[in-house]
Amino acid sequence: MTDFSGRFKLTSSDNFDALLKELGVSDDVVNQLKGTTQEYEITKDGDVFTQKSITGDKVHETKFELGKEFNEIRQDGKTVQSQVVADGNRLIQTQKGDREVKFDALKLPLLEAHWH
């Protein structure tokens, strides 16, 4: 299995604001995240991964085991069911949460992020 351990700095992202809004993140949180420097750290202890999202002086930590569903409290305070699986050199996270659609179409922009 690929060693995912490391610390990475976000160098660019496209449509991040729109994605956060579609996910139901409040405007206050979206505005706080604009223009901030984000880093991402992954460590592993046995079967347990720890991922940290670091924005300024705020650190959001999530622990998980591959392939097992877990309750995750997102940075905006909402709780979702998450699952992370490994696929080659990628970690793929799926989140499930409640959403209410009040219009005929739902558009979710794709998030493209580049970590180095």
PDB file of N, CA and C in Angstrom:
ATOM      1  N   MET A   1       0.830  -1.175   0.000  1.00  0.00           N
ATOM      2  CA  MET A   1       0.000   0.000   0.000  1.00  0.00           C
ATOM      3  C   MET A   1       0.881   1.247   0.000  1.00  0.00           C
ATOM      4  N   THR A   2       0.414   2.282  -0.666  1.00  0.00           N
ATOM      5  CA  THR A   2       1.118   3.554  -0.717  1.00  0.00           C
ATOM      6  C   THR A   2       1.227   4.155   0.681  1.00  0.00           C
ATOM      7  N   ASP A   3       2.376   4.754   0.978  1.00  0.00           N
ATOM      8  CA  ASP A   3       2.548   5.478   2.237  1.00  0.00           C
ATOM      9  C   ASP A   3       1.989   6.881   2.035  1.00  0.00           C
ATOM     10  N   PHE A   4       0.856   7.166   2.660  1.00  0.00           N
ATOM     11  CA  PHE A   4       0.188   8.456   2.490  1.00  0.00           C
ATOM     12  C   PHE A   4       0.668   9.497   3.486  1.00  0.00           C
ATOM     13  N   SER A   5       1.579   9.126   4.380  1.00  0.00           N
ATOM     14  CA  SER A   5       2.033  10.033   5.429  1.00  0.00           C
ATOM     15  C   SER A   5       2.750  11.229   4.834  1.00  0.00           C
ATOM     16  N   GLY A   6       2.514  12.389   5.433  1.00  0.00           N
ATOM     17  CA  GLY A   6       3.208  13.588   5.003  1.00  0.00           C
ATOM     18  C   GLY A   6       2.415  14.834   5.323  1.00  0.00           C
ATOM     19  N   ARG A   7       3.026  15.961   5.030  1.00  0.00           N
ATOM     20  CA  ARG A   7       2.380  17.271   5.208  1.00  0.00           C
ATOM     21  C   ARG A   7       2.406  17.965   3.862  1.00  0.00           C
ATOM     22  N   PHE A   8       1.245  18.461   3.446  1.00  0.00           N
ATOM     23  CA  PHE A   8       1.080  19.013   2.112  1.00  0.00           C
ATOM     24  C   PHE A   8       0.461  20.399   2.197  1.00  0.00           C
ATOM     25  N   LYS A   9       0.874  21.279   1.296  1.00  0.00           N
ATOM     26  CA  LYS A   9       0.352  22.641   1.252  1.00  0.00           C
ATOM     27  C   LYS A   9      -0.527  22.791   0.016  1.00  0.00           C
ATOM     28  N   LEU A  10      -1.722  23.336   0.213  1.00  0.00           N
ATOM     29  CA  LEU A  10      -2.626  23.589  -0.900  1.00  0.00           C
ATOM     30  C   LEU A  10      -2.056  24.728  -1.734  1.00  0.00           C
ATOM     31  N   THR A  11      -1.816  24.459  -3.014  1.00  0.00           N
ATOM     32  CA  THR A  11      -1.244  25.485  -3.886  1.00  0.00           C
ATOM     33  C   THR A  11      -2.280  26.118  -4.800  1.00  0.00           C
ATOM     34  N   SER A  12      -3.393  25.416  -5.065  1.00  0.00           N
ATOM     35  CA  SER A  12      -4.461  26.011  -5.868  1.00  0.00           C
ATOM     36  C   SER A  12      -5.728  25.183  -5.729  1.00  0.00           C
ATOM     37  N   SER A  13      -6.864  25.825  -5.968  1.00  0.00           N
ATOM     38  CA  SER A  13      -8.152  25.122  -6.001  1.00  0.00           C
ATOM     39  C   SER A  13      -9.104  25.916  -6.885  1.00  0.00           C
ATOM     40  N   ASP A  14      -9.999  25.205  -7.526  1.00  0.00           N
ATOM     41  CA  ASP A  14     -10.979  25.826  -8.412  1.00  0.00           C
ATOM     42  C   ASP A  14     -12.377  25.560  -7.869  1.00  0.00           C
ATOM     43  N   ASN A  15     -13.222  26.576  -7.870  1.00  0.00           N
ATOM     44  CA  ASN A  15     -14.627  26.456  -7.461  1.00  0.00           C
ATOM     45  C   ASN A  15     -14.803  26.037  -6.006  1.00  0.00           C
ATOM     46  N   PHE A  16     -13.824  26.307  -5.164  1.00  0.00           N
ATOM     47  CA  PHE A  16     -13.895  25.891  -3.765  1.00  0.00           C
ATOM     48  C   PHE A  16     -15.054  26.580  -3.039  1.00  0.00           C
ATOM     49  N   ASP A  17     -15.214  27.897  -3.259  1.00  0.00           N
ATOM     50  CA  ASP A  17     -16.310  28.627  -2.613  1.00  0.00           C
ATOM     51  C   ASP A  17     -17.656  28.042  -3.012  1.00  0.00           C
ATOM     52  N   ALA A  18     -17.837  27.802  -4.304  1.00  0.00           N
ATOM     53  CA  ALA A  18     -19.108  27.261  -4.804  1.00  0.00           C
ATOM     54  C   ALA A  18     -19.369  25.871  -4.229  1.00  0.00           C
ATOM     55  N   LEU A  19     -18.332  25.057  -4.143  1.00  0.00           N
ATOM     56  CA  LEU A  19     -18.491  23.716  -3.576  1.00  0.00           C
ATOM     57  C   LEU A  19     -18.930  23.798  -2.118  1.00  0.00           C
ATOM     58  N   LEU A  20     -18.273  24.649  -1.338  1.00  0.00           N
ATOM     59  CA  LEU A  20     -18.635  24.789   0.070  1.00  0.00           C
ATOM     60  C   LEU A  20     -20.085  25.225   0.226  1.00  0.00           C
ATOM     61  N   LYS A  21     -20.512  26.164  -0.608  1.00  0.00           N
ATOM     62  CA  LYS A  21     -21.901  26.633  -0.535  1.00  0.00           C
ATOM     63  C   LYS A  21     -22.876  25.520  -0.895  1.00  0.00           C
ATOM     64  N   GLU A  22     -22.555  24.720  -1.908  1.00  0.00           N
ATOM     65  CA  GLU A  22     -23.421  23.600  -2.290  1.00  0.00           C
ATOM     66  C   GLU A  22     -23.484  22.547  -1.195  1.00  0.00           C
ATOM     67  N   LEU A  23     -22.414  22.425  -0.409  1.00  0.00           N
ATOM     68  CA  LEU A  23     -22.388  21.473   0.699  1.00  0.00           C
ATOM     69  C   LEU A  23     -23.131  22.002   1.924  1.00  0.00           C
ATOM     70  N   GLY A  24     -23.610  23.244   1.826  1.00  0.00           N
ATOM     71  CA  GLY A  24     -24.375  23.814   2.928  1.00  0.00           C
ATOM     72  C   GLY A  24     -23.540  24.523   3.969  1.00  0.00           C
ATOM     73  N   VAL A  25     -22.285  24.821   3.644  1.00  0.00           N
ATOM     74  CA  VAL A  25     -21.417  25.537   4.573  1.00  0.00           C
ATOM     75  C   VAL A  25     -21.886  26.989   4.641  1.00  0.00           C
ATOM     76  N   SER A  26     -21.961  27.532   5.841  1.00  0.00           N
ATOM     77  CA  SER A  26     -22.467  28.895   6.016  1.00  0.00           C
ATOM     78  C   SER A  26     -21.551  29.912   5.339  1.00  0.00           C
ATOM     79  N   ASP A  27     -22.145  31.049   4.969  1.00  0.00           N
ATOM     80  CA  ASP A  27     -21.374  32.118   4.335  1.00  0.00           C
ATOM     81  C   ASP A  27     -20.252  32.607   5.243  1.00  0.00           C
ATOM     82  N   ASP A  28     -20.494  32.632   6.554  1.00  0.00           N
ATOM     83  CA  ASP A  28     -19.452  33.063   7.495  1.00  0.00           C
ATOM     84  C   ASP A  28     -18.218  32.175   7.404  1.00  0.00           C
ATOM     85  N   VAL A  29     -18.432  30.857   7.366  1.00  0.00           N
ATOM     86  CA  VAL A  29     -17.303  29.922   7.286  1.00  0.00           C
ATOM     87  C   VAL A  29     -16.619  30.038   5.932  1.00  0.00           C
ATOM     88  N   VAL A  30     -17.403  30.154   4.853  1.00  0.00           N
ATOM     89  CA  VAL A  30     -16.822  30.308   3.511  1.00  0.00           C
ATOM     90  C   VAL A  30     -15.939  31.547   3.482  1.00  0.00           C
ATOM     91  N   ASN A  31     -16.418  32.655   4.034  1.00  0.00           N
ATOM     92  CA  ASN A  31     -15.637  33.892   4.045  1.00  0.00           C
ATOM     93  C   ASN A  31     -14.377  33.763   4.887  1.00  0.00           C
ATOM     94  N   GLN A  32     -14.434  32.990   5.978  1.00  0.00           N
ATOM     95  CA  GLN A  32     -13.250  32.778   6.813  1.00  0.00           C
ATOM     96  C   GLN A  32     -12.171  32.009   6.057  1.00  0.00           C
ATOM     97  N   LEU A  33     -12.597  31.101   5.184  1.00  0.00           N
ATOM     98  CA  LEU A  33     -11.640  30.258   4.472  1.00  0.00           C
ATOM     99  C   LEU A  33     -11.020  30.945   3.256  1.00  0.00           C
ATOM    100  N   LYS A  34     -11.653  31.994   2.749  1.00  0.00           N
ATOM    101  CA  LYS A  34     -11.123  32.688   1.573  1.00  0.00           C
ATOM    102  C   LYS A  34      -9.759  33.292   1.890  1.00  0.00           C
ATOM    103  N   GLY A  35      -8.833  33.069   1.026  1.00  0.00           N
ATOM    104  CA  GLY A  35      -7.526  33.692   1.155  1.00  0.00           C
ATOM    105  C   GLY A  35      -6.645  33.132   2.256  1.00  0.00           C
ATOM    106  N   THR A  36      -7.053  32.037   2.873  1.00  0.00           N
ATOM    107  CA  THR A  36      -6.224  31.452   3.918  1.00  0.00           C
ATOM    108  C   THR A  36      -5.280  30.419   3.317  1.00  0.00           C
ATOM    109  N   THR A  37      -4.202  30.174   4.005  1.00  0.00           N
ATOM    110  CA  THR A  37      -3.268  29.134   3.598  1.00  0.00           C
ATOM    111  C   THR A  37      -3.686  27.840   4.276  1.00  0.00           C
ATOM    112  N   GLN A  38      -3.860  26.789   3.481  1.00  0.00           N
ATOM    113  CA  GLN A  38      -4.254  25.507   4.047  1.00  0.00           C
ATOM    114  C   GLN A  38      -3.139  24.492   3.887  1.00  0.00           C
ATOM    115  N   GLU A  39      -2.963  23.704   4.930  1.00  0.00           N
ATOM    116  CA  GLU A  39      -2.052  22.570   4.886  1.00  0.00           C
ATOM    117  C   GLU A  39      -2.824  21.341   5.322  1.00  0.00           C
ATOM    118  N   TYR A  40      -2.338  20.202   4.910  1.00  0.00           N
ATOM    119  CA  TYR A  40      -3.009  18.938   5.169  1.00  0.00           C
ATOM    120  C   TYR A  40      -1.945  17.953   5.608  1.00  0.00           C
ATOM    121  N   GLU A  41      -2.185  17.286   6.728  1.00  0.00           N
ATOM    122  CA  GLU A  41      -1.209  16.338   7.257  1.00  0.00           C
ATOM    123  C   GLU A  41      -1.877  14.978   7.457  1.00  0.00           C
ATOM    124  N   ILE A  42      -1.193  13.928   7.032  1.00  0.00           N
ATOM    125  CA  ILE A  42      -1.693  12.569   7.198  1.00  0.00           C
ATOM    126  C   ILE A  42      -0.640  11.756   7.940  1.00  0.00           C
ATOM    127  N   THR A  43      -1.076  11.074   9.006  1.00  0.00           N
ATOM    128  CA  THR A  43      -0.204  10.158   9.738  1.00  0.00           C
ATOM    129  C   THR A  43      -0.952   8.841   9.925  1.00  0.00           C
ATOM    130  N   LYS A  44      -0.201   7.791  10.243  1.00  0.00           N
ATOM    131  CA  LYS A  44      -0.807   6.481  10.446  1.00  0.00           C
ATOM    132  C   LYS A  44      -0.162   5.820  11.653  1.00  0.00           C
ATOM    133  N   ASP A  45      -1.014   5.247  12.521  1.00  0.00           N
ATOM    134  CA  ASP A  45      -0.562   4.501  13.693  1.00  0.00           C
ATOM    135  C   ASP A  45      -1.326   3.183  13.692  1.00  0.00           C
ATOM    136  N   GLY A  46      -0.654   2.096  13.307  1.00  0.00           N
ATOM    137  CA  GLY A  46      -1.344   0.816  13.144  1.00  0.00           C
ATOM    138  C   GLY A  46      -2.314   0.913  11.983  1.00  0.00           C
ATOM    139  N   ASP A  47      -3.592   0.626  12.229  1.00  0.00           N
ATOM    140  CA  ASP A  47      -4.616   0.724  11.189  1.00  0.00           C
ATOM    141  C   ASP A  47      -5.318   2.077  11.174  1.00  0.00           C
ATOM    142  N   VAL A  48      -4.993   2.947  12.128  1.00  0.00           N
ATOM    143  CA  VAL A  48      -5.711   4.212  12.278  1.00  0.00           C
ATOM    144  C   VAL A  48      -4.943   5.352  11.605  1.00  0.00           C
ATOM    145  N   PHE A  49      -5.629   6.021  10.675  1.00  0.00           N
ATOM    146  CA  PHE A  49      -5.095   7.208  10.023  1.00  0.00           C
ATOM    147  C   PHE A  49      -5.587   8.435  10.776  1.00  0.00           C
ATOM    148  N   THR A  50      -4.758   9.457  10.822  1.00  0.00           N
ATOM    149  CA  THR A  50      -5.166  10.758  11.340  1.00  0.00           C
ATOM    150  C   THR A  50      -4.918  11.765  10.231  1.00  0.00           C
ATOM    151  N   GLN A  51      -5.974  12.513   9.890  1.00  0.00           N
ATOM    152  CA  GLN A  51      -5.799  13.574   8.902  1.00  0.00           C
ATOM    153  C   GLN A  51      -6.086  14.897   9.596  1.00  0.00           C
ATOM    154  N   LYS A  52      -5.198  15.846   9.377  1.00  0.00           N
ATOM    155  CA  LYS A  52      -5.355  17.171   9.967  1.00  0.00           C
ATOM    156  C   LYS A  52      -5.430  18.187   8.842  1.00  0.00           C
ATOM    157  N   SER A  53      -6.437  19.026   8.913  1.00  0.00           N
ATOM    158  CA  SER A  53      -6.559  20.157   8.014  1.00  0.00           C
ATOM    159  C   SER A  53      -6.165  21.383   8.825  1.00  0.00           C
ATOM    160  N   ILE A  54      -5.123  22.073   8.381  1.00  0.00           N
ATOM    161  CA  ILE A  54      -4.555  23.175   9.148  1.00  0.00           C
ATOM    162  C   ILE A  54      -4.762  24.463   8.367  1.00  0.00           C
ATOM    163  N   THR A  55      -5.528  25.386   8.964  1.00  0.00           N
ATOM    164  CA  THR A  55      -5.803  26.680   8.350  1.00  0.00           C
ATOM    165  C   THR A  55      -5.459  27.749   9.372  1.00  0.00           C
ATOM    166  N   GLY A  56      -4.370  28.458   9.127  1.00  0.00           N
ATOM    167  CA  GLY A  56      -3.925  29.449  10.102  1.00  0.00           C
ATOM    168  C   GLY A  56      -3.602  28.769  11.417  1.00  0.00           C
ATOM    169  N   ASP A  57      -4.259  29.227  12.493  1.00  0.00           N
ATOM    170  CA  ASP A  57      -4.017  28.616  13.801  1.00  0.00           C
ATOM    171  C   ASP A  57      -5.074  27.573  14.155  1.00  0.00           C
ATOM    172  N   LYS A  58      -5.972  27.262  13.215  1.00  0.00           N
ATOM    173  CA  LYS A  58      -7.018  26.263  13.455  1.00  0.00           C
ATOM    174  C   LYS A  58      -6.611  24.914  12.875  1.00  0.00           C
ATOM    175  N   VAL A  59      -6.801  23.870  13.677  1.00  0.00           N
ATOM    176  CA  VAL A  59      -6.494  22.506  13.241  1.00  0.00           C
ATOM    177  C   VAL A  59      -7.754  21.665  13.399  1.00  0.00           C
ATOM    178  N   HIS A  60      -8.174  21.025  12.313  1.00  0.00           N
ATOM    179  CA  HIS A  60      -9.322  20.117  12.343  1.00  0.00           C
ATOM    180  C   HIS A  60      -8.782  18.712  12.134  1.00  0.00           C
ATOM    181  N   GLU A  61      -9.042  17.828  13.099  1.00  0.00           N
ATOM    182  CA  GLU A  61      -8.472  16.482  13.071  1.00  0.00           C
ATOM    183  C   GLU A  61      -9.569  15.439  12.922  1.00  0.00           C
ATOM    184  N   THR A  62      -9.318  14.459  12.064  1.00  0.00           N
ATOM    185  CA  THR A  62     -10.229  13.340  11.859  1.00  0.00           C
ATOM    186  C   THR A  62      -9.421  12.052  11.898  1.00  0.00           C
ATOM    187  N   LYS A  63      -9.940  11.053  12.627  1.00  0.00           N
ATOM    188  CA  LYS A  63      -9.296   9.734  12.680  1.00  0.00           C
ATOM    189  C   LYS A  63     -10.208   8.726  12.010  1.00  0.00           C
ATOM    190  N   PHE A  64      -9.610   7.785  11.272  1.00  0.00           N
ATOM    191  CA  PHE A  64     -10.410   6.787  10.563  1.00  0.00           C
ATOM    192  C   PHE A  64      -9.576   5.553  10.259  1.00  0.00           C
ATOM    193  N   GLU A  65     -10.286   4.459   9.966  1.00  0.00           N
ATOM    194  CA  GLU A  65      -9.670   3.241   9.449  1.00  0.00           C
ATOM    195  C   GLU A  65     -10.206   3.037   8.043  1.00  0.00           C
ATOM    196  N   LEU A  66      -9.348   2.606   7.136  1.00  0.00           N
ATOM    197  CA  LEU A  66      -9.757   2.412   5.748  1.00  0.00           C
ATOM    198  C   LEU A  66     -10.930   1.445   5.660  1.00  0.00           C
ATOM    199  N   GLY A  67     -11.912   1.812   4.846  1.00  0.00           N
ATOM    200  CA  GLY A  67     -13.048   0.944   4.568  1.00  0.00           C
ATOM    201  C   GLY A  67     -14.123   0.909   5.630  1.00  0.00           C
ATOM    202  N   LYS A  68     -13.928   1.594   6.753  1.00  0.00           N
ATOM    203  CA  LYS A  68     -14.921   1.586   7.828  1.00  0.00           C
ATOM    204  C   LYS A  68     -15.636   2.937   7.887  1.00  0.00           C
ATOM    205  N   GLU A  69     -16.981   2.891   7.948  1.00  0.00           N
ATOM    206  CA  GLU A  69     -17.739   4.130   8.087  1.00  0.00           C
ATOM    207  C   GLU A  69     -17.524   4.715   9.476  1.00  0.00           C
ATOM    208  N   PHE A  70     -17.527   6.037   9.551  1.00  0.00           N
ATOM    209  CA  PHE A  70     -17.370   6.721  10.830  1.00  0.00           C
ATOM    210  C   PHE A  70     -18.136   8.034  10.797  1.00  0.00           C
ATOM    211  N   ASN A  71     -18.528   8.507  11.976  1.00  0.00           N
ATOM    212  CA  ASN A  71     -19.158   9.819  12.093  1.00  0.00           C
ATOM    213  C   ASN A  71     -18.065  10.873  12.064  1.00  0.00           C
ATOM    214  N   GLU A  72     -18.235  11.845  11.195  1.00  0.00           N
ATOM    215  CA  GLU A  72     -17.249  12.922  11.084  1.00  0.00           C
ATOM    216  C   GLU A  72     -17.934  14.249  11.342  1.00  0.00           C
ATOM    217  N   ILE A  73     -17.324  15.054  12.176  1.00  0.00           N
ATOM    218  CA  ILE A  73     -17.806  16.416  12.370  1.00  0.00           C
ATOM    219  C   ILE A  73     -16.950  17.304  11.482  1.00  0.00           C
ATOM    220  N   ARG A  74     -17.606  17.881  10.454  1.00  0.00           N
ATOM    221  CA  ARG A  74     -16.877  18.729   9.509  1.00  0.00           C
ATOM    222  C   ARG A  74     -16.470  20.036  10.179  1.00  0.00           C
ATOM    223  N   GLN A  75     -15.644  20.797   9.493  1.00  0.00           N
ATOM    224  CA  GLN A  75     -15.171  22.064  10.036  1.00  0.00           C
ATOM    225  C   GLN A  75     -16.298  23.060  10.256  1.00  0.00           C
ATOM    226  N   ASP A  76     -17.411  22.881   9.536  1.00  0.00           N
ATOM    227  CA  ASP A  76     -18.548  23.786   9.717  1.00  0.00           C
ATOM    228  C   ASP A  76     -19.479  23.321  10.833  1.00  0.00           C
ATOM    229  N   GLY A  77     -19.103  22.229  11.527  1.00  0.00           N
ATOM    230  CA  GLY A  77     -19.879  21.737  12.648  1.00  0.00           C
ATOM    231  C   GLY A  77     -20.934  20.704  12.305  1.00  0.00           C
ATOM    232  N   LYS A  78     -21.173  20.454  11.032  1.00  0.00           N
ATOM    233  CA  LYS A  78     -22.168  19.461  10.630  1.00  0.00           C
ATOM    234  C   LYS A  78     -21.584  18.058  10.736  1.00  0.00           C
ATOM    235  N   THR A  79     -22.432  17.097  11.141  1.00  0.00           N
ATOM    236  CA  THR A  79     -22.015  15.702  11.258  1.00  0.00           C
ATOM    237  C   THR A  79     -22.458  14.935  10.023  1.00  0.00           C
ATOM    238  N   VAL A  80     -21.540  14.177   9.443  1.00  0.00           N
ATOM    239  CA  VAL A  80     -21.824  13.351   8.268  1.00  0.00           C
ATOM    240  C   VAL A  80     -21.244  11.959   8.493  1.00  0.00           C
ATOM    241  N   GLN A  81     -21.757  10.994   7.746  1.00  0.00           N
ATOM    242  CA  GLN A  81     -21.173   9.653   7.713  1.00  0.00           C
ATOM    243  C   GLN A  81     -20.082   9.679   6.653  1.00  0.00           C
ATOM    244  N   SER A  82     -18.899   9.255   6.991  1.00  0.00           N
ATOM    245  CA  SER A  82     -17.783   9.251   6.050  1.00  0.00           C
ATOM    246  C   SER A  82     -17.182   7.860   5.953  1.00  0.00           C
ATOM    247  N   GLN A  83     -16.535   7.630   4.831  1.00  0.00           N
ATOM    248  CA  GLN A  83     -15.763   6.409   4.628  1.00  0.00           C
ATOM    249  C   GLN A  83     -14.589   6.767   3.725  1.00  0.00           C
ATOM    250  N   VAL A  84     -13.416   6.257   4.070  1.00  0.00           N
ATOM    251  CA  VAL A  84     -12.215   6.495   3.277  1.00  0.00           C
ATOM    252  C   VAL A  84     -11.689   5.147   2.810  1.00  0.00           C
ATOM    253  N   VAL A  85     -11.394   5.051   1.520  1.00  0.00           N
ATOM    254  CA  VAL A  85     -10.798   3.841   0.959  1.00  0.00           C
ATOM    255  C   VAL A  85      -9.534   4.234   0.206  1.00  0.00           C
ATOM    256  N   ALA A  86      -8.617   3.290   0.089  1.00  0.00           N
ATOM    257  CA  ALA A  86      -7.400   3.503  -0.691  1.00  0.00           C
ATOM    258  C   ALA A  86      -7.592   2.872  -2.058  1.00  0.00           C
ATOM    259  N   ASP A  87      -7.172   3.599  -3.086  1.00  0.00           N
ATOM    260  CA  ASP A  87      -7.211   3.105  -4.459  1.00  0.00           C
ATOM    261  C   ASP A  87      -5.878   3.474  -5.096  1.00  0.00           C
ATOM    262  N   GLY A  88      -4.933   2.538  -5.067  1.00  0.00           N
ATOM    263  CA  GLY A  88      -3.596   2.843  -5.589  1.00  0.00           C
ATOM    264  C   GLY A  88      -2.947   3.916  -4.745  1.00  0.00           C
ATOM    265  N   ASN A  89      -2.597   5.029  -5.385  1.00  0.00           N
ATOM    266  CA  ASN A  89      -1.948   6.122  -4.663  1.00  0.00           C
ATOM    267  C   ASN A  89      -2.940   7.222  -4.274  1.00  0.00           C
ATOM    268  N   ARG A  90      -4.236   6.872  -4.181  1.00  0.00           N
ATOM    269  CA  ARG A  90      -5.265   7.850  -3.825  1.00  0.00           C
ATOM    270  C   ARG A  90      -6.035   7.399  -2.585  1.00  0.00           C
ATOM    271  N   LEU A  91      -6.380   8.360  -1.744  1.00  0.00           N
ATOM    272  CA  LEU A  91      -7.351   8.147  -0.678  1.00  0.00           C
ATOM    273  C   LEU A  91      -8.647   8.781  -1.156  1.00  0.00           C
ATOM    274  N   ILE A  92      -9.723   8.003  -1.166  1.00  0.00           N
ATOM    275  CA  ILE A  92     -11.006   8.495  -1.655  1.00  0.00           C
ATOM    276  C   ILE A  92     -11.969   8.539  -0.480  1.00  0.00           C
ATOM    277  N   GLN A  93     -12.483   9.734  -0.194  1.00  0.00           N
ATOM    278  CA  GLN A  93     -13.407   9.905   0.921  1.00  0.00           C
ATOM    279  C   GLN A  93     -14.803  10.173   0.384  1.00  0.00           C
ATOM    280  N   THR A  94     -15.772   9.449   0.941  1.00  0.00           N
ATOM    281  CA  THR A  94     -17.175   9.638   0.604  1.00  0.00           C
ATOM    282  C   THR A  94     -17.896  10.104   1.858  1.00  0.00           C
ATOM    283  N   GLN A  95     -18.672  11.179   1.719  1.00  0.00           N
ATOM    284  CA  GLN A  95     -19.456  11.689   2.837  1.00  0.00           C
ATOM    285  C   GLN A  95     -20.935  11.557   2.508  1.00  0.00           C
ATOM    286  N   LYS A  96     -21.718  11.145   3.514  1.00  0.00           N
ATOM    287  CA  LYS A  96     -23.170  11.069   3.370  1.00  0.00           C
ATOM    288  C   LYS A  96     -23.786  11.975   4.424  1.00  0.00           C
ATOM    289  N   GLY A  97     -24.708  12.811   3.973  1.00  0.00           N
ATOM    290  CA  GLY A  97     -25.403  13.695   4.896  1.00  0.00           C
ATOM    291  C   GLY A  97     -26.767  14.030   4.337  1.00  0.00           C
ATOM    292  N   ASP A  98     -27.569  14.680   5.132  1.00  0.00           N
ATOM    293  CA  ASP A  98     -28.901  15.075   4.687  1.00  0.00           C
ATOM    294  C   ASP A  98     -28.825  16.379   3.912  1.00  0.00           C
ATOM    295  N   ARG A  99     -29.562  16.413   2.792  1.00  0.00           N
ATOM    296  CA  ARG A  99     -29.695  17.634   2.003  1.00  0.00           C
ATOM    297  C   ARG A  99     -31.138  17.754   1.565  1.00  0.00           C
ATOM    298  N   GLU A 100     -31.587  18.953   1.465  1.00  0.00           N
ATOM    299  CA  GLU A 100     -32.932  19.188   0.975  1.00  0.00           C
ATOM    300  C   GLU A 100     -32.812  19.997  -0.304  1.00  0.00           C
ATOM    301  N   VAL A 101     -33.435  19.506  -1.364  1.00  0.00           N
ATOM    302  CA  VAL A 101     -33.393  20.192  -2.651  1.00  0.00           C
ATOM    303  C   VAL A 101     -34.717  20.915  -2.830  1.00  0.00           C
ATOM    304  N   LYS A 102     -34.667  22.213  -3.050  1.00  0.00           N
ATOM    305  CA  LYS A 102     -35.882  23.008  -3.190  1.00  0.00           C
ATOM    306  C   LYS A 102     -36.014  23.601  -4.588  1.00  0.00           C
ATOM    307  N   PHE A 103     -35.386  22.975  -5.555  1.00  0.00           N
ATOM    308  CA  PHE A 103     -35.455  23.462  -6.926  1.00  0.00           C
ATOM    309  C   PHE A 103     -35.374  22.277  -7.856  1.00  0.00           C
ATOM    310  N   ASP A 104     -35.519  22.523  -9.147  1.00  0.00           N
ATOM    311  CA  ASP A 104     -35.617  21.438 -10.118  1.00  0.00           C
ATOM    312  C   ASP A 104     -34.303  20.737 -10.415  1.00  0.00           C
ATOM    313  N   ALA A 105     -33.179  21.417 -10.223  1.00  0.00           N
ATOM    314  CA  ALA A 105     -31.895  20.818 -10.579  1.00  0.00           C
ATOM    315  C   ALA A 105     -30.880  21.124  -9.488  1.00  0.00           C
ATOM    316  N   LEU A 106     -29.996  20.204  -9.301  1.00  0.00           N
ATOM    317  CA  LEU A 106     -28.911  20.387  -8.340  1.00  0.00           C
ATOM    318  C   LEU A 106     -27.597  20.292  -9.098  1.00  0.00           C
ATOM    319  N   LYS A 107     -26.820  21.349  -9.039  1.00  0.00           N
ATOM    320  CA  LYS A 107     -25.511  21.345  -9.683  1.00  0.00           C
ATOM    321  C   LYS A 107     -24.455  21.342  -8.593  1.00  0.00           C
ATOM    322  N   LEU A 108     -23.560  20.385  -8.665  1.00  0.00           N
ATOM    323  CA  LEU A 108     -22.437  20.337  -7.741  1.00  0.00           C
ATOM    324  C   LEU A 108     -21.163  20.540  -8.537  1.00  0.00           C
ATOM    325  N   PRO A 109     -20.501  21.664  -8.352  1.00  0.00           N
ATOM    326  CA  PRO A 109     -19.259  21.882  -9.088  1.00  0.00           C
ATOM    327  C   PRO A 109     -18.188  20.908  -8.631  1.00  0.00           C
ATOM    328  N   LEU A 110     -17.297  20.588  -9.515  1.00  0.00           N
ATOM    329  CA  LEU A 110     -16.184  19.709  -9.168  1.00  0.00           C
ATOM    330  C   LEU A 110     -15.103  20.524  -8.487  1.00  0.00           C
ATOM    331  N   LEU A 111     -14.520  19.948  -7.475  1.00  0.00           N
ATOM    332  CA  LEU A 111     -13.414  20.595  -6.780  1.00  0.00           C
ATOM    333  C   LEU A 111     -12.119  20.029  -7.321  1.00  0.00           C
ATOM    334  N   GLU A 112     -11.271  20.900  -7.772  1.00  0.00           N
ATOM    335  CA  GLU A 112      -9.951  20.467  -8.223  1.00  0.00           C
ATOM    336  C   GLU A 112      -8.938  21.134  -7.315  1.00  0.00           C
ATOM    337  N   ALA A 113      -8.197  20.344  -6.596  1.00  0.00           N
ATOM    338  CA  ALA A 113      -7.204  20.879  -5.677  1.00  0.00           C
ATOM    339  C   ALA A 113      -5.855  20.249  -5.986  1.00  0.00           C
ATOM    340  N   HIS A 114      -4.821  21.029  -5.844  1.00  0.00           N
ATOM    341  CA  HIS A 114      -3.462  20.545  -6.107  1.00  0.00           C
ATOM    342  C   HIS A 114      -2.654  20.666  -4.821  1.00  0.00           C
ATOM    343  N   TRP A 115      -2.198  19.544  -4.292  1.00  0.00           N
ATOM    344  CA  TRP A 115      -1.429  19.510  -3.054  1.00  0.00           C
ATOM    345  C   TRP A 115       0.011  19.130  -3.376  1.00  0.00           C
ATOM    346  N   HIS A 116       0.940  19.831  -2.769  1.00  0.00           N
ATOM    347  CA  HIS A 116       2.363  19.524  -2.949  1.00  0.00           C
ATOM    348  C   HIS A 116       3.024  19.426  -1.601  1.00  0.00           C
TER     349      HIS A 116
END
